[in-house]
Amino acid sequence: MAALGCAADVLQATQEDRFSDMADILIPLIKKNSAATSRLRHDSDDDRDEKEKELQTEALLCAFQTLGKTWPNNTQTQG
């Protein structure tokens, strides 16, 4: 998550258009974590599950923030 955050900051600062590369990495992560978080909501609520939910939520938050920071100014890429 730290690496993704740093990469997003660098891409945002340099205005590099690497959105499609980041999306290729992050969209499968988002789909995987969304499904896993949904399953954990319906399972038991012990401490381990709670920590797992928190970690998955942090990963989703990081992925969405990274996509937001790498959103391109190029209208062709936006399409």
PDB file of N, CA and C in Angstrom:
ATOM      1  N   MET A   1       0.824  -1.180   0.000  1.00  0.00           N
ATOM      2  CA  MET A   1       0.000   0.000   0.000  1.00  0.00           C
ATOM      3  C   MET A   1       0.873   1.251   0.000  1.00  0.00           C
ATOM      4  N   ALA A   2       1.969   1.193   0.732  1.00  0.00           N
ATOM      5  CA  ALA A   2       2.882   2.337   0.759  1.00  0.00           C
ATOM      6  C   ALA A   2       3.476   2.590  -0.623  1.00  0.00           C
ATOM      7  N   ALA A   3       3.830   1.527  -1.321  1.00  0.00           N
ATOM      8  CA  ALA A   3       4.404   1.662  -2.659  1.00  0.00           C
ATOM      9  C   ALA A   3       3.387   2.264  -3.628  1.00  0.00           C
ATOM     10  N   LEU A   4       2.151   1.826  -3.538  1.00  0.00           N
ATOM     11  CA  LEU A   4       1.115   2.387  -4.409  1.00  0.00           C
ATOM     12  C   LEU A   4       0.899   3.866  -4.116  1.00  0.00           C
ATOM     13  N   GLY A   5       0.892   4.215  -2.852  1.00  0.00           N
ATOM     14  CA  GLY A   5       0.726   5.614  -2.477  1.00  0.00           C
ATOM     15  C   GLY A   5       1.862   6.481  -3.000  1.00  0.00           C
ATOM     16  N   CYS A   6       3.084   5.986  -2.893  1.00  0.00           N
ATOM     17  CA  CYS A   6       4.246   6.728  -3.395  1.00  0.00           C
ATOM     18  C   CYS A   6       4.196   6.844  -4.914  1.00  0.00           C
ATOM     19  N   ALA A   7       3.858   5.769  -5.585  1.00  0.00           N
ATOM     20  CA  ALA A   7       3.763   5.796  -7.046  1.00  0.00           C
ATOM     21  C   ALA A   7       2.694   6.791  -7.488  1.00  0.00           C
ATOM     22  N   ALA A   8       1.572   6.810  -6.799  1.00  0.00           N
ATOM     23  CA  ALA A   8       0.500   7.743  -7.134  1.00  0.00           C
ATOM     24  C   ALA A   8       0.950   9.184  -6.953  1.00  0.00           C
ATOM     25  N   ASP A   9       1.659   9.453  -5.865  1.00  0.00           N
ATOM     26  CA  ASP A   9       2.152  10.810  -5.625  1.00  0.00           C
ATOM     27  C   ASP A   9       3.125  11.245  -6.719  1.00  0.00           C
ATOM     28  N   VAL A  10       4.012  10.350  -7.117  1.00  0.00           N
ATOM     29  CA  VAL A  10       4.988  10.667  -8.161  1.00  0.00           C
ATOM     30  C   VAL A  10       4.277  10.910  -9.494  1.00  0.00           C
ATOM     31  N   LEU A  11       3.341  10.040  -9.850  1.00  0.00           N
ATOM     32  CA  LEU A  11       2.621  10.203 -11.112  1.00  0.00           C
ATOM     33  C   LEU A  11       1.787  11.476 -11.121  1.00  0.00           C
ATOM     34  N   GLN A  12       1.215  11.807  -9.995  1.00  0.00           N
ATOM     35  CA  GLN A  12       0.425  13.030  -9.902  1.00  0.00           C
ATOM     36  C   GLN A  12       1.322  14.255 -10.045  1.00  0.00           C
ATOM     37  N   ALA A  13       2.466  14.241  -9.381  1.00  0.00           N
ATOM     38  CA  ALA A  13       3.378  15.386  -9.423  1.00  0.00           C
ATOM     39  C   ALA A  13       4.001  15.582 -10.801  1.00  0.00           C
ATOM     40  N   THR A  14       4.286  14.485 -11.485  1.00  0.00           N
ATOM     41  CA  THR A  14       4.947  14.579 -12.782  1.00  0.00           C
ATOM     42  C   THR A  14       3.965  14.647 -13.947  1.00  0.00           C
ATOM     43  N   GLN A  15       2.671  14.465 -13.658  1.00  0.00           N
ATOM     44  CA  GLN A  15       1.629  14.484 -14.687  1.00  0.00           C
ATOM     45  C   GLN A  15       1.829  13.398 -15.744  1.00  0.00           C
ATOM     46  N   GLU A  16       2.490  12.303 -15.355  1.00  0.00           N
ATOM     47  CA  GLU A  16       2.680  11.164 -16.260  1.00  0.00           C
ATOM     48  C   GLU A  16       1.354  10.454 -16.471  1.00  0.00           C
ATOM     49  N   ASP A  17       1.083  10.083 -17.702  1.00  0.00           N
ATOM     50  CA  ASP A  17      -0.157   9.389 -18.027  1.00  0.00           C
ATOM     51  C   ASP A  17       0.086   7.878 -17.978  1.00  0.00           C
ATOM     52  N   ARG A  18      -0.015   7.315 -16.798  1.00  0.00           N
ATOM     53  CA  ARG A  18       0.146   5.874 -16.589  1.00  0.00           C
ATOM     54  C   ARG A  18      -1.119   5.273 -15.990  1.00  0.00           C
ATOM     55  N   PHE A  19      -2.245   5.931 -16.245  1.00  0.00           N
ATOM     56  CA  PHE A  19      -3.497   5.478 -15.649  1.00  0.00           C
ATOM     57  C   PHE A  19      -3.844   4.052 -16.058  1.00  0.00           C
ATOM     58  N   SER A  20      -3.697   3.740 -17.331  1.00  0.00           N
ATOM     59  CA  SER A  20      -4.077   2.394 -17.778  1.00  0.00           C
ATOM     60  C   SER A  20      -3.197   1.328 -17.124  1.00  0.00           C
ATOM     61  N   ASP A  21      -1.926   1.632 -16.928  1.00  0.00           N
ATOM     62  CA  ASP A  21      -1.046   0.682 -16.236  1.00  0.00           C
ATOM     63  C   ASP A  21      -1.487   0.475 -14.795  1.00  0.00           C
ATOM     64  N   MET A  22      -1.814   1.566 -14.121  1.00  0.00           N
ATOM     65  CA  MET A  22      -2.258   1.467 -12.729  1.00  0.00           C
ATOM     66  C   MET A  22      -3.620   0.775 -12.642  1.00  0.00           C
ATOM     67  N   ALA A  23      -4.494   1.064 -13.586  1.00  0.00           N
ATOM     68  CA  ALA A  23      -5.811   0.433 -13.587  1.00  0.00           C
ATOM     69  C   ALA A  23      -5.690  -1.077 -13.792  1.00  0.00           C
ATOM     70  N   ASP A  24      -4.759  -1.492 -14.641  1.00  0.00           N
ATOM     71  CA  ASP A  24      -4.539  -2.928 -14.855  1.00  0.00           C
ATOM     72  C   ASP A  24      -4.121  -3.631 -13.567  1.00  0.00           C
ATOM     73  N   ILE A  25      -3.416  -2.924 -12.714  1.00  0.00           N
ATOM     74  CA  ILE A  25      -2.979  -3.479 -11.432  1.00  0.00           C
ATOM     75  C   ILE A  25      -4.092  -3.395 -10.390  1.00  0.00           C
ATOM     76  N   LEU A  26      -4.756  -2.258 -10.329  1.00  0.00           N
ATOM     77  CA  LEU A  26      -5.660  -1.979  -9.220  1.00  0.00           C
ATOM     78  C   LEU A  26      -7.076  -2.530  -9.375  1.00  0.00           C
ATOM     79  N   ILE A  27      -7.604  -2.575 -10.571  1.00  0.00           N
ATOM     80  CA  ILE A  27      -8.983  -3.035 -10.736  1.00  0.00           C
ATOM     81  C   ILE A  27      -9.146  -4.491 -10.301  1.00  0.00           C
ATOM     82  N   PRO A  28      -8.241  -5.411 -10.655  1.00  0.00           N
ATOM     83  CA  PRO A  28      -8.380  -6.769 -10.098  1.00  0.00           C
ATOM     84  C   PRO A  28      -8.271  -6.787  -8.567  1.00  0.00           C
ATOM     85  N   LEU A  29      -7.412  -5.944  -8.013  1.00  0.00           N
ATOM     86  CA  LEU A  29      -7.286  -5.843  -6.550  1.00  0.00           C
ATOM     87  C   LEU A  29      -8.591  -5.363  -5.930  1.00  0.00           C
ATOM     88  N   ILE A  30      -9.213  -4.372  -6.554  1.00  0.00           N
ATOM     89  CA  ILE A  30     -10.481  -3.841  -6.050  1.00  0.00           C
ATOM     90  C   ILE A  30     -11.561  -4.917  -6.102  1.00  0.00           C
ATOM     91  N   LYS A  31     -11.653  -5.609  -7.222  1.00  0.00           N
ATOM     92  CA  LYS A  31     -12.663  -6.661  -7.356  1.00  0.00           C
ATOM     93  C   LYS A  31     -12.456  -7.768  -6.325  1.00  0.00           C
ATOM     94  N   LYS A  32     -11.205  -8.171  -6.143  1.00  0.00           N
ATOM     95  CA  LYS A  32     -10.893  -9.239  -5.192  1.00  0.00           C
ATOM     96  C   LYS A  32     -11.232  -8.806  -3.764  1.00  0.00           C
ATOM     97  N   ASN A  33     -10.802  -7.614  -3.374  1.00  0.00           N
ATOM     98  CA  ASN A  33     -11.042  -7.145  -2.014  1.00  0.00           C
ATOM     99  C   ASN A  33     -12.505  -6.829  -1.762  1.00  0.00           C
ATOM    100  N   SER A  34     -13.217  -6.371  -2.761  1.00  0.00           N
ATOM    101  CA  SER A  34     -14.647  -6.100  -2.588  1.00  0.00           C
ATOM    102  C   SER A  34     -15.399  -7.394  -2.304  1.00  0.00           C
ATOM    103  N   ALA A  35     -15.081  -8.429  -3.048  1.00  0.00           N
ATOM    104  CA  ALA A  35     -15.730  -9.724  -2.832  1.00  0.00           C
ATOM    105  C   ALA A  35     -15.360 -10.307  -1.473  1.00  0.00           C
ATOM    106  N   ALA A  36     -14.096 -10.208  -1.101  1.00  0.00           N
ATOM    107  CA  ALA A  36     -13.635 -10.754   0.185  1.00  0.00           C
ATOM    108  C   ALA A  36     -14.254  -9.994   1.350  1.00  0.00           C
ATOM    109  N   THR A  37     -14.363  -8.675   1.241  1.00  0.00           N
ATOM    110  CA  THR A  37     -14.961  -7.880   2.303  1.00  0.00           C
ATOM    111  C   THR A  37     -16.431  -8.229   2.460  1.00  0.00           C
ATOM    112  N   SER A  38     -17.099  -8.444   1.354  1.00  0.00           N
ATOM    113  CA  SER A  38     -18.508  -8.825   1.402  1.00  0.00           C
ATOM    114  C   SER A  38     -18.695 -10.157   2.123  1.00  0.00           C
ATOM    115  N   ARG A  39     -17.818 -11.125   1.834  1.00  0.00           N
ATOM    116  CA  ARG A  39     -17.903 -12.433   2.509  1.00  0.00           C
ATOM    117  C   ARG A  39     -17.640 -12.306   4.001  1.00  0.00           C
ATOM    118  N   LEU A  40     -16.674 -11.473   4.381  1.00  0.00           N
ATOM    119  CA  LEU A  40     -16.338 -11.346   5.802  1.00  0.00           C
ATOM    120  C   LEU A  40     -17.464 -10.698   6.602  1.00  0.00           C
ATOM    121  N   ARG A  41     -18.260  -9.856   5.981  1.00  0.00           N
ATOM    122  CA  ARG A  41     -19.369  -9.216   6.697  1.00  0.00           C
ATOM    123  C   ARG A  41     -20.379 -10.232   7.200  1.00  0.00           C
ATOM    124  N   HIS A  42     -20.508 -11.328   6.465  1.00  0.00           N
ATOM    125  CA  HIS A  42     -21.512 -12.324   6.821  1.00  0.00           C
ATOM    126  C   HIS A  42     -20.962 -13.438   7.709  1.00  0.00           C
ATOM    127  N   ASP A  43     -19.672 -13.465   7.929  1.00  0.00           N
ATOM    128  CA  ASP A  43     -19.054 -14.491   8.761  1.00  0.00           C
ATOM    129  C   ASP A  43     -19.027 -14.042  10.221  1.00  0.00           C
ATOM    130  N   SER A  44     -18.373 -14.840  11.047  1.00  0.00           N
ATOM    131  CA  SER A  44     -18.294 -14.521  12.477  1.00  0.00           C
ATOM    132  C   SER A  44     -17.499 -13.240  12.702  1.00  0.00           C
ATOM    133  N   ASP A  45     -17.715 -12.634  13.874  1.00  0.00           N
ATOM    134  CA  ASP A  45     -17.104 -11.340  14.177  1.00  0.00           C
ATOM    135  C   ASP A  45     -15.998 -11.445  15.220  1.00  0.00           C
ATOM    136  N   ASP A  46     -15.072 -12.371  15.084  1.00  0.00           N
ATOM    137  CA  ASP A  46     -13.981 -12.424  16.047  1.00  0.00           C
ATOM    138  C   ASP A  46     -12.912 -11.399  15.671  1.00  0.00           C
ATOM    139  N   ASP A  47     -11.915 -11.227  16.541  1.00  0.00           N
ATOM    140  CA  ASP A  47     -10.890 -10.202  16.357  1.00  0.00           C
ATOM    141  C   ASP A  47     -10.104 -10.373  15.062  1.00  0.00           C
ATOM    142  N   ARG A  48      -9.830 -11.598  14.705  1.00  0.00           N
ATOM    143  CA  ARG A  48      -9.052 -11.848  13.484  1.00  0.00           C
ATOM    144  C   ARG A  48      -9.822 -11.375  12.250  1.00  0.00           C
ATOM    145  N   ASP A  49     -11.107 -11.681  12.202  1.00  0.00           N
ATOM    146  CA  ASP A  49     -11.935 -11.239  11.083  1.00  0.00           C
ATOM    147  C   ASP A  49     -12.023  -9.717  11.043  1.00  0.00           C
ATOM    148  N   GLU A  50     -12.102  -9.108  12.210  1.00  0.00           N
ATOM    149  CA  GLU A  50     -12.184  -7.644  12.284  1.00  0.00           C
ATOM    150  C   GLU A  50     -10.904  -7.012  11.727  1.00  0.00           C
ATOM    151  N   LYS A  51      -9.748  -7.555  12.086  1.00  0.00           N
ATOM    152  CA  LYS A  51      -8.474  -7.037  11.569  1.00  0.00           C
ATOM    153  C   LYS A  51      -8.375  -7.259  10.064  1.00  0.00           C
ATOM    154  N   GLU A  52      -8.867  -8.401   9.600  1.00  0.00           N
ATOM    155  CA  GLU A  52      -8.860  -8.703   8.171  1.00  0.00           C
ATOM    156  C   GLU A  52      -9.743  -7.704   7.414  1.00  0.00           C
ATOM    157  N   LYS A  53     -10.910  -7.395   7.969  1.00  0.00           N
ATOM    158  CA  LYS A  53     -11.801  -6.415   7.339  1.00  0.00           C
ATOM    159  C   LYS A  53     -11.144  -5.046   7.266  1.00  0.00           C
ATOM    160  N   GLU A  54     -10.471  -4.648   8.343  1.00  0.00           N
ATOM    161  CA  GLU A  54      -9.794  -3.355   8.373  1.00  0.00           C
ATOM    162  C   GLU A  54      -8.699  -3.286   7.321  1.00  0.00           C
ATOM    163  N   LEU A  55      -7.918  -4.346   7.202  1.00  0.00           N
ATOM    164  CA  LEU A  55      -6.845  -4.387   6.216  1.00  0.00           C
ATOM    165  C   LEU A  55      -7.400  -4.331   4.797  1.00  0.00           C
ATOM    166  N   GLN A  56      -8.458  -5.063   4.537  1.00  0.00           N
ATOM    167  CA  GLN A  56      -9.063  -5.048   3.206  1.00  0.00           C
ATOM    168  C   GLN A  56      -9.677  -3.684   2.887  1.00  0.00           C
ATOM    169  N   THR A  57     -10.258  -3.050   3.880  1.00  0.00           N
ATOM    170  CA  THR A  57     -10.817  -1.717   3.683  1.00  0.00           C
ATOM    171  C   THR A  57      -9.711  -0.713   3.388  1.00  0.00           C
ATOM    172  N   GLU A  58      -8.593  -0.812   4.100  1.00  0.00           N
ATOM    173  CA  GLU A  58      -7.448   0.065   3.841  1.00  0.00           C
ATOM    174  C   GLU A  58      -6.892  -0.158   2.434  1.00  0.00           C
ATOM    175  N   ALA A  59      -6.852  -1.409   1.995  1.00  0.00           N
ATOM    176  CA  ALA A  59      -6.366  -1.720   0.648  1.00  0.00           C
ATOM    177  C   ALA A  59      -7.289  -1.123  -0.410  1.00  0.00           C
ATOM    178  N   LEU A  60      -8.597  -1.225  -0.197  1.00  0.00           N
ATOM    179  CA  LEU A  60      -9.552  -0.624  -1.135  1.00  0.00           C
ATOM    180  C   LEU A  60      -9.415   0.895  -1.169  1.00  0.00           C
ATOM    181  N   LEU A  61      -9.284   1.492  -0.008  1.00  0.00           N
ATOM    182  CA  LEU A  61      -9.115   2.935   0.074  1.00  0.00           C
ATOM    183  C   LEU A  61      -7.853   3.370  -0.670  1.00  0.00           C
ATOM    184  N   CYS A  62      -6.769   2.659  -0.459  1.00  0.00           N
ATOM    185  CA  CYS A  62      -5.510   2.948  -1.133  1.00  0.00           C
ATOM    186  C   CYS A  62      -5.661   2.817  -2.649  1.00  0.00           C
ATOM    187  N   ALA A  63      -6.340   1.780  -3.093  1.00  0.00           N
ATOM    188  CA  ALA A  63      -6.525   1.560  -4.528  1.00  0.00           C
ATOM    189  C   ALA A  63      -7.330   2.698  -5.153  1.00  0.00           C
ATOM    190  N   PHE A  64      -8.402   3.106  -4.507  1.00  0.00           N
ATOM    191  CA  PHE A  64      -9.223   4.188  -5.055  1.00  0.00           C
ATOM    192  C   PHE A  64      -8.483   5.526  -5.016  1.00  0.00           C
ATOM    193  N   GLN A  65      -7.729   5.784  -3.956  1.00  0.00           N
ATOM    194  CA  GLN A  65      -6.949   7.011  -3.890  1.00  0.00           C
ATOM    195  C   GLN A  65      -5.884   7.034  -4.985  1.00  0.00           C
ATOM    196  N   THR A  66      -5.255   5.893  -5.221  1.00  0.00           N
ATOM    197  CA  THR A  66      -4.235   5.800  -6.254  1.00  0.00           C
ATOM    198  C   THR A  66      -4.840   6.058  -7.625  1.00  0.00           C
ATOM    199  N   LEU A  67      -5.988   5.458  -7.903  1.00  0.00           N
ATOM    200  CA  LEU A  67      -6.653   5.709  -9.184  1.00  0.00           C
ATOM    201  C   LEU A  67      -7.018   7.185  -9.329  1.00  0.00           C
ATOM    202  N   GLY A  68      -7.483   7.784  -8.253  1.00  0.00           N
ATOM    203  CA  GLY A  68      -7.833   9.206  -8.300  1.00  0.00           C
ATOM    204  C   GLY A  68      -6.630  10.091  -8.565  1.00  0.00           C
ATOM    205  N   LYS A  69      -5.524   9.798  -7.929  1.00  0.00           N
ATOM    206  CA  LYS A  69      -4.312  10.602  -8.119  1.00  0.00           C
ATOM    207  C   LYS A  69      -3.693  10.403  -9.494  1.00  0.00           C
ATOM    208  N   THR A  70      -3.913   9.250 -10.094  1.00  0.00           N
ATOM    209  CA  THR A  70      -3.318   8.984 -11.403  1.00  0.00           C
ATOM    210  C   THR A  70      -4.284   9.276 -12.544  1.00  0.00           C
ATOM    211  N   TRP A  71      -5.467   9.832 -12.233  1.00  0.00           N
ATOM    212  CA  TRP A  71      -6.438  10.144 -13.273  1.00  0.00           C
ATOM    213  C   TRP A  71      -5.793  11.112 -14.261  1.00  0.00           C
ATOM    214  N   PRO A  72      -5.833  10.789 -15.551  1.00  0.00           N
ATOM    215  CA  PRO A  72      -5.116  11.580 -16.540  1.00  0.00           C
ATOM    216  C   PRO A  72      -5.849  12.856 -16.959  1.00  0.00           C
ATOM    217  N   ASN A  73      -5.084  13.840 -17.386  1.00  0.00           N
ATOM    218  CA  ASN A  73      -5.661  15.044 -17.973  1.00  0.00           C
ATOM    219  C   ASN A  73      -5.971  14.820 -19.449  1.00  0.00           C
ATOM    220  N   ASN A  74      -5.382  13.803 -20.030  1.00  0.00           N
ATOM    221  CA  ASN A  74      -5.559  13.474 -21.437  1.00  0.00           C
ATOM    222  C   ASN A  74      -6.965  12.931 -21.661  1.00  0.00           C
ATOM    223  N   THR A  75      -7.757  13.618 -22.483  1.00  0.00           N
ATOM    224  CA  THR A  75      -9.142  13.199 -22.705  1.00  0.00           C
ATOM    225  C   THR A  75      -9.231  11.853 -23.428  1.00  0.00           C
ATOM    226  N   GLN A  76      -8.239  11.538 -24.222  1.00  0.00           N
ATOM    227  CA  GLN A  76      -8.238  10.242 -24.917  1.00  0.00           C
ATOM    228  C   GLN A  76      -8.121   9.095 -23.908  1.00  0.00           C
ATOM    229  N   THR A  77      -7.242   9.237 -22.925  1.00  0.00           N
ATOM    230  CA  THR A  77      -7.094   8.219 -21.896  1.00  0.00           C
ATOM    231  C   THR A  77      -8.323   8.163 -21.007  1.00  0.00           C
ATOM    232  N   GLN A  78      -8.922   9.312 -20.692  1.00  0.00           N
ATOM    233  CA  GLN A  78     -10.110   9.349 -19.868  1.00  0.00           C
ATOM    234  C   GLN A  78     -11.256   8.554 -20.486  1.00  0.00           C
ATOM    235  N   GLY A  79     -11.334   8.598 -21.814  1.00  0.00           N
ATOM    236  CA  GLY A  79     -12.384   7.865 -22.527  1.00  0.00           C
ATOM    237  C   GLY A  79     -12.192   6.390 -22.401  1.00  0.00           C
TER     238      GLY A  79
END
